[in-house]
Amino acid sequence: MNNDLFVIDLSSCNNTGEIITSVSTAFEVPEAKERKIGLKLGDILLNQSQILSIQSLIASYASELEYVETANESTKNICENMGIKAQLYEKTYTVPNEEIGFDLSKEENQTQFNQENISENEGFEEFKPIEFNEDGKQIMETYKKAYDENEEEKQTWEEVDYYAPPTDEPVVVDSKQTIYVTQTLRSGQVLEFDGNIVIIGDCHPGSEIKATGDITVWGVLGSIAHAGAKGNRDAKIRALKMNAVQLRIADCYSRRPDGTNIPYIIKSSVFTPEEARIVDDSIVLFKIN
């Protein structure tokens, strides 16, 4: 491992997600890999779990978290308890000029770091992922949602650990061809394809879908659906609302339960997506979480 320290400037990051993204972006620079890494943080508070996640991410690039500079005393203490060298600095701000306002592209208006006691770090390479245009505005934009979030619904959201340690496991890729159909299949229509089928719409009773791969319906599946038509018992059938007259996967068949054997269902804005797959020679439905 190269002993030279590579410093990543994260002082503009306001949360752990931005830190993870910026660190990952920094390692797109080949010089950052297989190095000892120094992090320049702002006044953000990181707990031990979050620091471990960042440390694991850095380790996945064959590098080592060597040093942390932070404006938050609690973050500094946690790093030191974990055996990571840490230094506290006082974050300073520049009062904006009344005529021109903040110009974030100028060094005097950016966060100033106290360089005392780290003279041995002089000459370190720095990576600053956040850039500014001529008007002083950040180039990186945030994504926007096309709908309003209900505050009551937020209380029921499941917490997901996006900052879990990285893994070396490869992403599973389905190499079969996939077609997308953006219409509703009506009674009498038959859709066949040698591969995967994705339908953005409903499938009415009397229609039929047949695929050698998976079948995914972004809507109500009320027709006959046959996945794995050439004997692929690993094929699956998914739908936002499963109400199929008959499901077939490879050589296994199943029909709609008698209690729900109705030609039509009431449409709703709330669905429970389900996936059908073979378990012990029977087709079983599972909720998709």
Protein backbone atom coordinates (compact mmCIF):
# COMPACT_ATOMS: atom_id res chain seq x y z
CA MET A 1 0.00 0.00 0.00
CA ASN A 2 1.26 3.46 -0.91
CA ASN A 3 2.07 5.31 2.34
CA ASP A 4 1.28 8.78 0.94
CA LEU A 5 -1.93 10.22 2.36
CA PHE A 6 -4.79 11.00 -0.03
CA VAL A 7 -7.16 13.59 1.48
CA ILE A 8 -10.84 13.72 0.52
CA ASP A 9 -12.56 17.02 1.28
CA LEU A 10 -16.07 16.29 2.62
CA SER A 11 -16.61 19.61 4.37
CA SER A 12 -19.54 20.45 2.07
CA CYS A 13 -21.42 17.21 2.88
CA ASN A 14 -24.44 17.65 5.14
CA ASN A 15 -25.36 14.01 5.80
CA THR A 16 -23.96 10.50 5.68
CA GLY A 17 -25.49 9.80 2.29
CA GLU A 18 -23.59 12.68 0.72
CA ILE A 19 -20.40 11.47 2.42
CA ILE A 20 -20.81 7.94 1.05
CA THR A 21 -21.49 9.29 -2.45
CA SER A 22 -18.53 11.69 -2.35
CA VAL A 23 -16.13 9.02 -1.06
CA SER A 24 -17.25 6.62 -3.79
CA THR A 25 -16.80 9.36 -6.38
CA ALA A 26 -13.33 10.14 -5.02
CA PHE A 27 -12.22 6.56 -5.66
CA GLU A 28 -12.99 6.99 -9.33
CA VAL A 29 -9.60 8.70 -9.31
CA PRO A 30 -7.04 5.88 -9.69
CA GLU A 31 -4.56 7.68 -7.43
CA ALA A 32 -6.93 7.27 -4.47
CA LYS A 33 -6.82 3.49 -4.47
CA GLU A 34 -4.37 1.51 -2.32
CA ARG A 35 -3.55 4.61 -0.28
CA LYS A 36 -3.90 5.84 3.26
CA ILE A 37 -6.95 8.12 3.30
CA GLY A 38 -7.57 11.33 5.22
CA LEU A 39 -11.07 12.79 5.51
CA LYS A 40 -11.91 16.48 6.01
CA LEU A 41 -15.37 16.64 7.55
CA GLY A 42 -17.56 19.60 8.44
CA ASP A 43 -19.62 19.93 11.61
CA ILE A 44 -21.56 16.72 10.94
CA LEU A 45 -22.07 14.24 13.78
CA LEU A 46 -21.21 10.66 12.83
CA ASN A 47 -21.87 7.69 15.09
CA GLN A 48 -19.68 4.60 15.31
CA SER A 49 -21.83 2.59 12.90
CA GLN A 50 -21.66 5.29 10.24
CA ILE A 51 -17.89 5.64 10.62
CA LEU A 52 -17.51 1.86 10.35
CA SER A 53 -19.52 1.93 7.11
CA ILE A 54 -17.29 4.66 5.67
CA GLN A 55 -14.23 2.77 6.86
CA SER A 56 -15.48 -0.43 5.21
CA LEU A 57 -16.19 1.43 1.96
CA ILE A 58 -12.63 2.77 1.93
CA ALA A 59 -11.26 -0.70 2.69
CA SER A 60 -13.17 -2.12 -0.29
CA TYR A 61 -10.84 -0.04 -2.50
CA ALA A 62 -7.77 -1.59 -0.81
CA SER A 63 -7.21 1.68 1.05
CA GLU A 64 -7.13 2.52 4.76
CA LEU A 65 -8.78 5.30 6.74
CA GLU A 66 -5.80 6.90 8.46
CA TYR A 67 -6.87 10.36 9.56
CA VAL A 68 -10.00 12.45 10.17
CA GLU A 69 -10.26 16.21 10.56
CA THR A 70 -13.63 17.39 11.86
CA ALA A 71 -15.37 20.41 13.35
CA ASN A 72 -17.55 18.19 15.54
CA GLU A 73 -16.03 17.22 18.88
CA SER A 74 -18.25 14.16 19.32
CA THR A 75 -17.21 12.82 15.92
CA LYS A 76 -13.58 13.39 16.86
CA ASN A 77 -13.97 11.49 20.14
CA ILE A 78 -15.72 8.55 18.46
CA CYS A 79 -12.94 8.31 15.84
CA GLU A 80 -10.28 8.31 18.54
CA ASN A 81 -12.12 5.58 20.48
CA MET A 82 -12.04 3.51 17.29
CA GLY A 83 -8.29 3.98 16.96
CA ILE A 84 -8.53 6.50 14.12
CA LYS A 85 -6.34 9.60 14.30
CA ALA A 86 -8.57 12.66 14.57
CA GLN A 87 -8.15 16.41 14.97
CA LEU A 88 -10.70 19.05 15.85
CA TYR A 89 -10.73 22.39 14.03
CA GLU A 90 -12.84 25.47 14.46
CA LYS A 91 -15.14 26.11 11.55
CA THR A 92 -15.10 29.74 10.47
CA TYR A 93 -17.40 31.67 8.16
CA THR A 94 -16.95 34.81 6.08
CA VAL A 95 -19.59 37.53 6.37
CA PRO A 96 -21.08 38.12 2.90
CA ASN A 97 -20.48 41.41 1.17
CA GLU A 98 -23.74 43.37 1.06
CA GLU A 99 -23.21 44.30 -2.59
CA ILE A 100 -22.09 41.03 -4.14
CA GLY A 101 -23.29 38.47 -1.56
CA PHE A 102 -21.63 35.10 -1.17
CA ASP A 103 -19.35 33.96 -3.95
CA LEU A 104 -18.75 30.34 -3.09
CA SER A 105 -16.30 29.97 -5.94
CA LYS A 106 -13.78 32.09 -4.01
CA GLU A 107 -11.51 30.49 -1.48
CA GLU A 108 -12.03 33.20 1.16
CA ASN A 109 -15.74 32.37 1.42
CA GLN A 110 -15.27 28.64 1.81
CA THR A 111 -14.71 26.78 5.09
CA GLN A 112 -11.27 27.50 6.53
CA PHE A 113 -9.35 24.68 8.14
CA ASN A 114 -6.99 25.04 11.08
CA GLN A 115 -3.72 23.52 9.88
CA GLU A 116 -1.92 23.62 13.23
CA ASN A 117 -0.22 20.41 14.34
CA ILE A 118 -0.62 18.74 10.94
CA SER A 119 2.38 20.22 9.19
CA GLU A 120 3.41 16.68 8.31
CA ASN A 121 0.36 16.59 6.02
CA GLU A 122 1.64 19.33 3.72
CA GLY A 123 1.63 18.41 0.08
CA PHE A 124 -1.26 15.97 0.38
CA GLU A 125 -3.47 15.47 -2.63
CA GLU A 126 -7.03 16.68 -2.11
CA PHE A 127 -10.26 15.64 -3.78
CA LYS A 128 -13.15 18.12 -3.80
CA PRO A 129 -16.20 16.49 -5.36
CA ILE A 130 -18.46 19.54 -5.05
CA GLU A 131 -17.81 22.20 -7.69
CA PHE A 132 -19.29 25.66 -8.20
CA ASN A 133 -20.15 27.64 -11.31
CA GLU A 134 -19.35 31.29 -12.01
CA ASP A 135 -22.41 32.43 -10.04
CA GLY A 136 -21.24 30.61 -6.94
CA LYS A 137 -23.92 27.92 -7.19
CA GLN A 138 -23.24 24.22 -6.80
CA ILE A 139 -23.14 22.34 -10.10
CA MET A 140 -24.54 19.14 -8.57
CA GLU A 141 -28.35 19.27 -8.43
CA THR A 142 -30.66 17.25 -6.24
CA TYR A 143 -33.33 15.02 -7.70
CA LYS A 144 -36.99 16.01 -7.33
CA LYS A 145 -40.10 13.93 -6.72
CA ALA A 146 -43.15 14.32 -8.91
CA TYR A 147 -45.57 13.91 -6.01
CA ASP A 148 -46.23 15.26 -2.52
CA GLU A 149 -45.35 13.00 0.37
CA ASN A 150 -47.96 12.35 3.02
CA GLU A 151 -46.48 13.04 6.46
CA GLU A 152 -48.63 10.32 8.03
CA GLU A 153 -47.38 7.75 5.53
CA LYS A 154 -43.78 8.63 6.36
CA GLN A 155 -44.32 7.31 9.88
CA THR A 156 -44.93 3.82 8.45
CA TRP A 157 -41.87 3.77 6.20
CA GLU A 158 -39.43 0.98 6.89
CA GLU A 159 -35.93 2.08 7.83
CA VAL A 160 -33.29 0.75 5.45
CA ASP A 161 -29.59 0.67 6.27
CA TYR A 162 -28.15 2.22 3.13
CA TYR A 163 -24.75 2.49 4.78
CA ALA A 164 -24.17 -1.17 5.54
CA PRO A 165 -20.63 -2.41 4.83
CA PRO A 166 -20.02 -2.97 1.10
CA THR A 167 -19.95 -6.48 -0.33
CA ASP A 168 -17.86 -8.23 -2.96
CA GLU A 169 -20.82 -10.31 -4.13
CA PRO A 170 -21.49 -9.78 -7.85
CA VAL A 171 -24.79 -8.39 -9.12
CA VAL A 172 -26.95 -11.17 -10.56
CA VAL A 173 -27.78 -10.33 -14.16
CA ASP A 174 -30.46 -12.02 -16.25
CA SER A 175 -28.94 -12.35 -19.71
CA LYS A 176 -32.23 -13.25 -21.43
CA GLN A 177 -33.84 -10.69 -23.71
CA THR A 178 -36.67 -8.63 -22.25
CA ILE A 179 -39.54 -6.89 -24.02
CA TYR A 180 -41.73 -4.11 -22.61
CA VAL A 181 -45.39 -3.86 -23.52
CA THR A 182 -47.07 -0.58 -22.57
CA GLN A 183 -50.72 -1.44 -23.04
CA THR A 184 -53.53 -3.42 -21.47
CA LEU A 185 -54.02 -6.95 -22.80
CA ARG A 186 -57.68 -7.53 -23.57
CA SER A 187 -59.68 -10.74 -23.88
CA GLY A 188 -58.62 -12.73 -26.94
CA GLN A 189 -55.09 -11.27 -27.14
CA VAL A 190 -52.10 -13.62 -26.80
CA LEU A 191 -48.54 -12.43 -26.12
CA GLU A 192 -45.62 -14.84 -26.56
CA PHE A 193 -41.88 -14.14 -26.31
CA ASP A 194 -38.64 -16.11 -26.02
CA GLY A 195 -37.29 -14.25 -22.98
CA ASN A 196 -38.72 -12.03 -20.23
CA ILE A 197 -41.94 -10.04 -20.59
CA VAL A 198 -42.72 -6.81 -18.72
CA ILE A 199 -46.22 -5.40 -19.15
CA ILE A 200 -47.04 -1.85 -18.04
CA GLY A 201 -50.79 -2.26 -17.82
CA ASP A 202 -53.50 -4.74 -16.86
CA CYS A 203 -54.13 -8.21 -18.28
CA HIS A 204 -57.86 -8.95 -18.62
CA PRO A 205 -59.41 -12.42 -18.22
CA GLY A 206 -59.43 -14.15 -21.62
CA SER A 207 -55.94 -12.94 -22.57
CA GLU A 208 -52.80 -15.06 -22.30
CA ILE A 209 -49.09 -14.39 -21.70
CA LYS A 210 -46.39 -16.93 -22.46
CA ALA A 211 -42.66 -16.40 -21.88
CA THR A 212 -39.59 -18.63 -21.63
CA GLY A 213 -38.31 -16.32 -18.88
CA ASP A 214 -40.04 -14.22 -16.21
CA ILE A 215 -43.35 -12.38 -16.49
CA THR A 216 -43.79 -9.05 -14.69
CA VAL A 217 -47.08 -7.15 -14.80
CA TRP A 218 -47.13 -3.56 -13.58
CA GLY A 219 -50.85 -3.73 -13.04
CA VAL A 220 -53.62 -6.30 -12.41
CA LEU A 221 -52.88 -9.80 -13.70
CA GLY A 222 -56.24 -11.46 -14.36
CA SER A 223 -55.36 -13.64 -17.35
CA ILE A 224 -53.46 -16.88 -17.95
CA ALA A 225 -49.72 -16.45 -17.41
CA HIS A 226 -47.14 -19.08 -18.36
CA ALA A 227 -43.50 -18.37 -17.39
CA GLY A 228 -40.54 -20.66 -18.01
CA ALA A 229 -42.36 -22.11 -20.99
CA LYS A 230 -39.34 -24.17 -22.11
CA GLY A 231 -38.89 -25.85 -18.73
CA ASN A 232 -37.17 -23.12 -16.68
CA ARG A 233 -38.39 -23.92 -13.15
CA ASP A 234 -36.54 -20.85 -11.77
CA ALA A 235 -38.81 -18.51 -13.71
CA LYS A 236 -41.14 -16.20 -11.77
CA ILE A 237 -44.41 -14.35 -12.29
CA ARG A 238 -44.88 -10.96 -10.59
CA ALA A 239 -47.78 -8.53 -10.49
CA LEU A 240 -48.94 -5.52 -8.54
CA LYS A 241 -52.25 -7.37 -8.09
CA MET A 242 -52.33 -11.14 -8.62
CA ASN A 243 -55.76 -12.32 -9.79
CA ALA A 244 -54.74 -14.71 -12.56
CA VAL A 245 -57.20 -17.28 -13.88
CA GLN A 246 -54.30 -19.71 -14.18
CA LEU A 247 -50.57 -19.60 -13.40
CA ARG A 248 -48.06 -21.85 -15.10
CA ILE A 249 -44.32 -22.07 -14.42
CA ALA A 250 -42.44 -24.68 -16.45
CA ASP A 251 -44.39 -27.93 -15.88
CA CYS A 252 -46.30 -26.71 -12.82
CA TYR A 253 -49.87 -25.41 -13.04
CA SER A 254 -52.21 -23.73 -10.58
CA ARG A 255 -55.56 -21.98 -10.81
CA ARG A 256 -57.14 -19.09 -8.98
CA PRO A 257 -58.56 -20.06 -5.52
CA ASP A 258 -62.31 -20.53 -5.52
CA GLY A 259 -62.83 -17.78 -2.97
CA THR A 260 -61.40 -15.20 -5.36
CA ASN A 261 -62.68 -16.67 -8.60
CA ILE A 262 -64.33 -13.48 -9.81
CA PRO A 263 -63.94 -11.94 -13.25
CA TYR A 264 -63.30 -8.40 -12.02
CA ILE A 265 -61.74 -6.76 -8.98
CA ILE A 266 -62.12 -3.31 -7.52
CA LYS A 267 -59.22 -1.09 -8.53
CA SER A 268 -57.38 0.62 -5.71
CA SER A 269 -54.44 2.98 -5.26
CA VAL A 270 -52.97 0.52 -2.76
CA PHE A 271 -51.60 -2.83 -3.97
CA THR A 272 -49.67 -5.69 -2.43
CA PRO A 273 -47.20 -6.82 -5.11
CA GLU A 274 -46.76 -10.60 -5.22
CA GLU A 275 -44.36 -13.03 -6.86
CA ALA A 276 -45.18 -16.59 -7.87
CA ARG A 277 -42.44 -19.21 -7.93
CA ILE A 278 -42.07 -22.99 -7.63
CA VAL A 279 -41.61 -24.45 -4.14
CA ASP A 280 -41.62 -28.26 -3.75
CA ASP A 281 -43.34 -28.76 -7.14
CA SER A 282 -46.11 -26.30 -6.28
CA ILE A 283 -46.63 -22.67 -7.27
CA VAL A 284 -46.53 -20.43 -4.19
CA LEU A 285 -47.18 -16.70 -3.93
CA PHE A 286 -44.88 -14.43 -1.90
CA LYS A 287 -45.31 -10.76 -1.01
CA ILE A 288 -42.68 -8.52 -2.55
CA ASN A 289 -41.31 -6.21 0.16
